[in-house]
Protein backbone atom coordinates (compact mmCIF):
# COMPACT_ATOMS: atom_id res chain seq x y z
CA UNK A 1 100.67 82.44 101.26
CA UNK A 2 102.43 85.74 100.69
CA UNK A 3 102.15 86.42 96.94
CA UNK A 4 105.78 87.47 96.55
CA UNK A 5 106.89 84.39 98.44
CA UNK A 6 104.70 82.12 96.38
CA UNK A 7 106.21 83.49 93.15
CA UNK A 8 109.77 83.03 94.37
CA UNK A 9 109.49 79.49 95.70
CA UNK A 10 109.09 76.60 93.34
CA UNK A 11 106.46 74.02 94.35
CA UNK A 12 109.15 71.36 95.17
CA UNK A 13 110.60 73.74 97.79
CA UNK A 14 107.16 74.32 99.30
CA UNK A 15 106.52 70.48 99.44
CA UNK A 16 109.79 69.64 101.05
CA UNK A 17 109.56 72.46 103.49
CA UNK A 18 106.11 71.28 104.54
CA UNK A 19 107.66 68.15 105.92
CA UNK A 20 110.21 69.71 108.07
CA UNK A 21 110.09 70.95 111.65
CA UNK A 22 109.82 74.82 112.05
CA UNK A 23 113.33 75.90 112.50
CA UNK A 24 114.57 73.44 109.71
CA UNK A 25 111.70 74.64 107.53
CA UNK A 26 112.77 78.31 107.89
CA UNK A 27 116.29 77.45 107.10
CA UNK A 28 115.36 75.50 104.06
CA UNK A 29 112.98 78.40 102.83
CA UNK A 30 115.72 80.89 103.48
CA UNK A 31 118.17 78.78 101.52
CA UNK A 32 115.78 78.48 98.62
CA UNK A 33 115.50 82.21 98.45
CA UNK A 34 119.08 83.37 99.31
CA UNK A 35 120.99 80.55 98.25
CA UNK A 36 122.56 80.18 101.65
CA UNK A 37 121.61 79.22 105.17
CA UNK A 38 120.57 82.02 107.72
CA UNK A 39 122.30 82.52 111.16
CA UNK A 40 119.12 82.04 113.50
CA UNK A 41 121.27 81.74 116.74
CA UNK A 42 122.97 85.11 116.22
CA UNK A 43 121.18 86.90 113.43
CA UNK A 44 122.58 89.97 112.02
CA UNK A 45 120.76 90.67 108.59
CA UNK A 46 117.24 91.95 108.51
CA UNK A 47 116.08 88.82 106.70
CA UNK A 48 117.63 86.66 109.32
CA UNK A 49 115.90 88.57 112.00
CA UNK A 50 112.58 88.17 110.40
CA UNK A 51 113.11 84.37 110.44
CA UNK A 52 114.34 84.56 114.07
CA UNK A 53 111.03 86.24 114.93
CA UNK A 54 109.02 83.61 112.96
CA UNK A 55 110.80 80.71 114.89
CA UNK A 56 110.79 82.28 118.40
CA UNK A 57 108.66 85.26 118.97
CA UNK A 58 105.23 84.35 120.52
CA UNK A 59 104.42 87.48 122.51
CA UNK A 60 100.88 88.50 122.85
CA UNK A 61 101.26 91.72 121.48
CA UNK A 62 102.32 90.08 118.15
CA UNK A 63 99.39 87.61 118.10
CA UNK A 64 96.78 89.74 116.48
CA UNK A 65 99.11 91.53 113.90
CA UNK A 66 97.94 89.39 111.03
CA UNK A 67 94.30 89.63 111.56
CA UNK A 68 93.00 92.23 109.31
CA UNK A 69 89.89 93.20 111.30
CA UNK A 70 92.07 93.47 114.45
CA UNK A 71 94.54 95.69 112.51
CA UNK A 72 91.57 98.07 111.82
CA UNK A 73 90.39 98.17 115.42
CA UNK A 74 94.04 98.96 116.60
CA UNK A 75 94.34 101.86 114.12
CA UNK A 76 90.82 103.23 114.98
CA UNK A 77 91.89 103.28 118.53
CA UNK A 78 94.90 105.45 117.60
CA UNK A 79 92.93 107.70 115.16
CA UNK A 80 93.04 110.79 117.55
CA UNK A 81 96.87 110.51 117.61
CA UNK A 82 97.65 109.29 114.04
CA UNK A 83 94.77 110.83 111.95
CA UNK A 84 94.73 107.55 109.76
CA UNK A 85 91.48 106.69 108.23
CA UNK A 86 90.31 103.06 108.22
CA UNK A 87 88.54 101.56 105.09
CA UNK A 88 84.95 100.72 106.24
CA UNK A 89 84.23 97.14 106.61
CA UNK A 90 80.98 96.36 104.55
CA UNK A 91 80.72 92.76 105.55
CA UNK A 92 82.72 89.84 107.12
CA UNK A 93 81.94 86.28 107.77
CA UNK A 94 83.06 82.65 107.23
CA UNK A 95 80.54 81.99 104.43
CA UNK A 96 80.83 84.11 101.30
CA UNK A 97 77.65 82.53 100.13
CA UNK A 98 75.70 84.39 102.67
CA UNK A 99 76.05 87.65 100.54
CA UNK A 100 75.46 85.84 97.26
CA UNK A 101 73.87 88.31 94.88
CA UNK A 102 74.23 91.31 97.20
CA UNK A 103 75.65 94.68 95.90
CA UNK A 104 77.24 97.45 97.96
CA UNK A 105 76.75 101.04 97.74
CA UNK A 106 80.30 101.74 96.87
CA UNK A 107 83.14 99.84 95.13
CA UNK A 108 84.48 97.05 97.23
CA UNK A 109 87.48 94.78 97.77
CA UNK A 110 87.18 91.10 98.98
CA UNK A 111 90.05 89.81 101.22
CA UNK A 112 90.72 86.88 103.49
CA UNK A 113 91.05 88.09 107.09
CA UNK A 114 94.09 85.67 107.86
CA UNK A 115 96.16 85.65 104.66
CA UNK A 116 97.95 88.05 102.50
CA UNK A 117 98.27 88.69 98.87
CA UNK A 118 94.84 87.64 97.82
CA UNK A 119 92.10 90.17 96.57
CA UNK A 120 89.09 90.56 94.48
CA UNK A 121 87.80 93.82 93.24
CA UNK A 122 84.13 94.68 92.72
CA UNK A 123 82.16 97.76 91.41
CA UNK A 124 79.36 99.25 93.40
CA UNK A 125 76.84 97.84 90.87
CA UNK A 126 78.59 94.55 90.75
CA UNK A 127 77.10 91.71 92.80
CA UNK A 128 78.83 88.96 94.59
CA UNK A 129 78.14 86.21 92.22
CA UNK A 130 78.41 82.33 92.20
CA UNK A 131 81.82 82.49 90.29
CA UNK A 132 83.33 84.64 92.89
CA UNK A 133 82.11 82.42 95.70
CA UNK A 134 83.46 79.38 94.05
CA UNK A 135 86.78 80.87 92.99
CA UNK A 136 87.54 81.96 96.62
CA UNK A 137 86.12 78.80 98.31
CA UNK A 138 89.64 77.59 99.38
CA UNK A 139 90.74 80.80 100.82
CA UNK A 140 89.67 79.77 104.45
CA UNK A 141 91.13 76.21 104.04
CA UNK A 142 94.56 77.27 103.45
CA UNK A 143 96.44 78.52 106.54
CA UNK A 144 99.54 80.65 105.76
CA UNK A 145 101.03 79.62 109.08
CA UNK A 146 100.93 75.75 108.22
CA UNK A 147 103.63 75.95 105.57
CA UNK A 148 105.46 79.12 106.43
CA UNK A 149 105.39 78.93 110.20
CA UNK A 150 104.32 82.55 110.66
CA UNK A 151 102.62 82.13 114.03
CA UNK A 152 100.69 85.30 113.93
CA UNK A 153 98.63 84.16 110.96
CA UNK A 154 97.75 81.13 112.98
CA UNK A 155 96.13 83.51 115.55
CA UNK A 156 94.01 85.45 112.92
CA UNK A 157 90.34 84.56 112.43
CA UNK A 158 89.55 82.58 109.27
CA UNK A 159 87.05 84.95 107.66
CA UNK A 160 86.18 86.60 104.47
CA UNK A 161 86.26 90.49 104.58
CA UNK A 162 84.49 92.89 102.12
CA UNK A 163 85.53 96.56 102.67
CA UNK A 164 85.30 99.72 100.75
CA UNK A 165 87.68 100.18 97.85
CA UNK A 166 89.37 103.65 98.60
CA UNK A 167 91.19 103.37 95.28
CA UNK A 168 88.15 104.46 93.12
CA UNK A 169 89.40 101.86 90.58
CA UNK A 170 92.78 103.20 90.02
CA UNK A 171 95.76 101.45 91.58
CA UNK A 172 97.03 103.36 94.64
CA UNK A 173 100.81 103.85 95.53
CA UNK A 174 101.38 101.55 98.42
CA UNK A 175 103.74 103.23 100.93
CA UNK A 176 105.38 100.67 103.29
CA UNK A 177 107.24 102.22 106.18
CA UNK A 178 109.77 100.09 107.92
CA UNK A 179 109.61 101.22 111.57
CA UNK A 180 112.43 100.07 114.12
CA UNK A 181 111.89 100.87 117.64
CA UNK A 182 109.27 103.65 116.80
CA UNK A 183 111.35 105.26 114.10
CA UNK A 184 110.81 105.13 110.30
CA UNK A 185 114.16 104.08 108.71
CA UNK A 186 113.15 103.09 105.05
CA UNK A 187 110.12 103.67 102.91
CA UNK A 188 109.25 101.16 100.23
CA UNK A 189 106.88 102.40 97.53
CA UNK A 190 104.95 99.78 95.42
CA UNK A 191 103.26 101.05 92.35
CA UNK A 192 100.72 98.92 90.32
CA UNK A 193 100.31 96.30 92.77
CA UNK A 194 98.00 93.38 91.48
CA UNK A 195 98.94 94.61 87.70
CA UNK A 196 101.44 93.54 85.27
CA UNK A 197 103.25 96.85 85.82
CA UNK A 198 104.12 96.12 89.46
CA UNK A 199 107.34 98.06 90.45
CA UNK A 200 109.13 98.87 93.59
CA UNK A 201 111.44 101.53 94.88
CA UNK A 202 113.00 102.30 98.26
CA UNK A 203 113.67 105.81 99.92
CA UNK A 204 115.25 107.12 103.10
CA UNK A 205 113.00 108.70 105.63
CA UNK A 206 113.76 112.11 104.12
CA UNK A 207 112.95 110.79 100.71
CA UNK A 208 116.28 110.23 99.15
CA UNK A 209 116.37 107.30 96.67
CA UNK A 210 118.04 104.24 97.86
CA UNK A 211 119.78 102.01 95.11
CA UNK A 212 118.18 98.88 96.19
CA UNK A 213 116.46 96.04 94.27
CA UNK A 214 114.69 92.84 95.17
CA UNK A 215 112.61 90.45 92.94
CA UNK A 216 110.20 93.04 91.93
CA UNK A 217 111.12 95.31 89.12
CA UNK A 218 112.60 98.57 90.00
CA UNK A 219 110.25 101.59 89.53
CA UNK A 220 110.88 105.14 88.42
CA UNK A 221 111.75 107.60 91.27
CA UNK A 222 108.57 109.56 92.21
CA UNK A 223 108.06 112.91 94.19
CA UNK A 224 107.30 112.53 97.79
CA UNK A 225 103.52 112.59 98.75
CA UNK A 226 102.54 116.02 100.02
CA UNK A 227 101.52 114.61 103.17
CA UNK A 228 104.78 112.51 103.83
CA UNK A 229 105.31 114.17 107.37
CA UNK A 230 101.87 112.92 108.29
CA UNK A 231 102.53 109.53 107.00
CA UNK A 232 105.86 109.15 108.81
CA UNK A 233 104.13 110.43 112.10
CA UNK A 234 101.19 107.90 111.64
CA UNK A 235 103.63 104.98 110.96
CA UNK A 236 105.75 105.73 113.89
CA UNK A 237 102.73 105.94 116.06
CA UNK A 238 101.20 102.65 114.66
CA UNK A 239 104.55 100.77 114.90
CA UNK A 240 105.85 102.41 117.97
CA UNK A 241 105.13 99.47 120.37
CA UNK A 242 107.32 97.18 118.49
CA UNK A 243 111.07 96.49 117.92
CA UNK A 244 110.08 96.27 114.32
CA UNK A 245 106.93 96.57 112.21
CA UNK A 246 106.32 97.47 108.59
CA UNK A 247 103.28 99.90 108.48
CA UNK A 248 101.58 100.07 105.09
CA UNK A 249 99.70 103.05 104.29
CA UNK A 250 97.93 104.98 101.36
CA UNK A 251 97.43 108.47 100.55
CA UNK A 252 94.22 109.60 98.76
CA UNK A 253 91.48 112.00 99.05
CA UNK A 254 93.87 114.19 101.08
CA UNK A 255 94.14 111.68 103.87
CA UNK A 256 96.32 108.94 105.21
CA UNK A 257 94.61 105.45 105.11
CA UNK A 258 95.56 102.16 106.66
CA UNK A 259 96.72 99.40 104.59
CA UNK A 260 97.89 96.91 106.98
CA UNK A 261 100.59 96.01 109.62
CA UNK A 262 103.32 93.43 108.40
CA UNK A 263 105.41 91.69 111.14
CA UNK A 264 107.06 89.24 108.51
CA UNK A 265 107.78 91.11 105.21
CA UNK A 266 108.18 88.41 102.59
CA UNK A 267 108.99 85.78 105.11
CA UNK A 268 112.58 87.12 105.07
CA UNK A 269 113.23 84.89 102.16
CA UNK A 270 113.70 87.66 99.35
CA UNK A 271 117.49 88.88 99.04
CA UNK A 272 118.23 92.45 98.62
CA UNK A 273 120.70 93.81 96.19
CA UNK A 274 123.05 95.00 97.32
CA UNK A 275 123.28 92.61 100.37
CA UNK A 276 124.69 95.56 102.40
CA UNK A 277 121.09 97.03 102.56
CA UNK A 278 119.94 93.68 104.43
CA UNK A 279 122.90 94.37 106.88
CA UNK A 280 122.03 98.00 107.22
CA UNK A 281 118.27 97.18 108.06
CA UNK A 282 119.55 94.45 110.44
CA UNK A 283 121.49 96.94 112.36
CA UNK A 284 118.46 98.99 112.89
CA UNK A 285 116.57 96.23 114.55
CA UNK A 286 117.23 95.27 118.22
CA UNK A 287 115.75 91.97 118.96
CA UNK A 288 114.16 91.30 122.28
CA UNK A 289 115.87 88.62 124.46
CA UNK A 290 114.78 85.05 123.69
CA UNK A 291 113.52 84.60 127.40
CA UNK A 292 110.85 87.19 126.66
CA UNK A 293 109.38 85.98 123.47
CA UNK A 294 109.16 82.19 123.87
CA UNK A 295 105.74 82.05 125.29
CA UNK A 296 106.64 78.83 127.04
């Protein structure tokens, strides 16, 4: 389950939600996060439109966007246009025990291919040990789509993925570009993810700070990355085929690196403060017609 969403919803909400049909489940999760029901028939807010997508959108071009290995293939196919580097996959498979005792020639990160918010880090000299195998054993059993109804996760292959750690042991700033109809509108910057100092700030496309908050602590304003123009170009190329897509990128070693594609940011359950920001983002998003997305 998305880490932010897991932290924001009490276990009782998750239990109740799991018993409901999808439209009612999404309304319940939205109510738990926002304190009010969403308008799913005529969504206006960004978070309402995310939930509309979760309930209705079953287009083939969305199906692979929660599969981390498929994201890499997609980005590599656009490398000539974007210049985006893709972290090397060192191993993938459905049995982590197959690499028990193995070390890799560089620092590495372990992730599930079909879920978000779960990672383990390892040094180049650090083997995959029995404790790691045991502590991640449930990663392939839990399906993010079962509770949350986020369809694209149900299409992702249930695999472990070990890839190179491009951070060299230091938390990288995580640049998340909100791309609407092929244009970056807002940039979310997460600093210190997976640490106790995790903080978040929002900027406009031209790096003007936006006075916006959600459930993550507000971070200090930071200078724009030197390669901001290249990152914006890459995000727009990677997200250009979609009415909306969040493109997550890193900047290190003088290059732009792929993080991931995110079709359902926080499941649309996390409120923004002020609420006008939610409305502003919703105005940037033109949803496709219901007849084109149902897959029925």
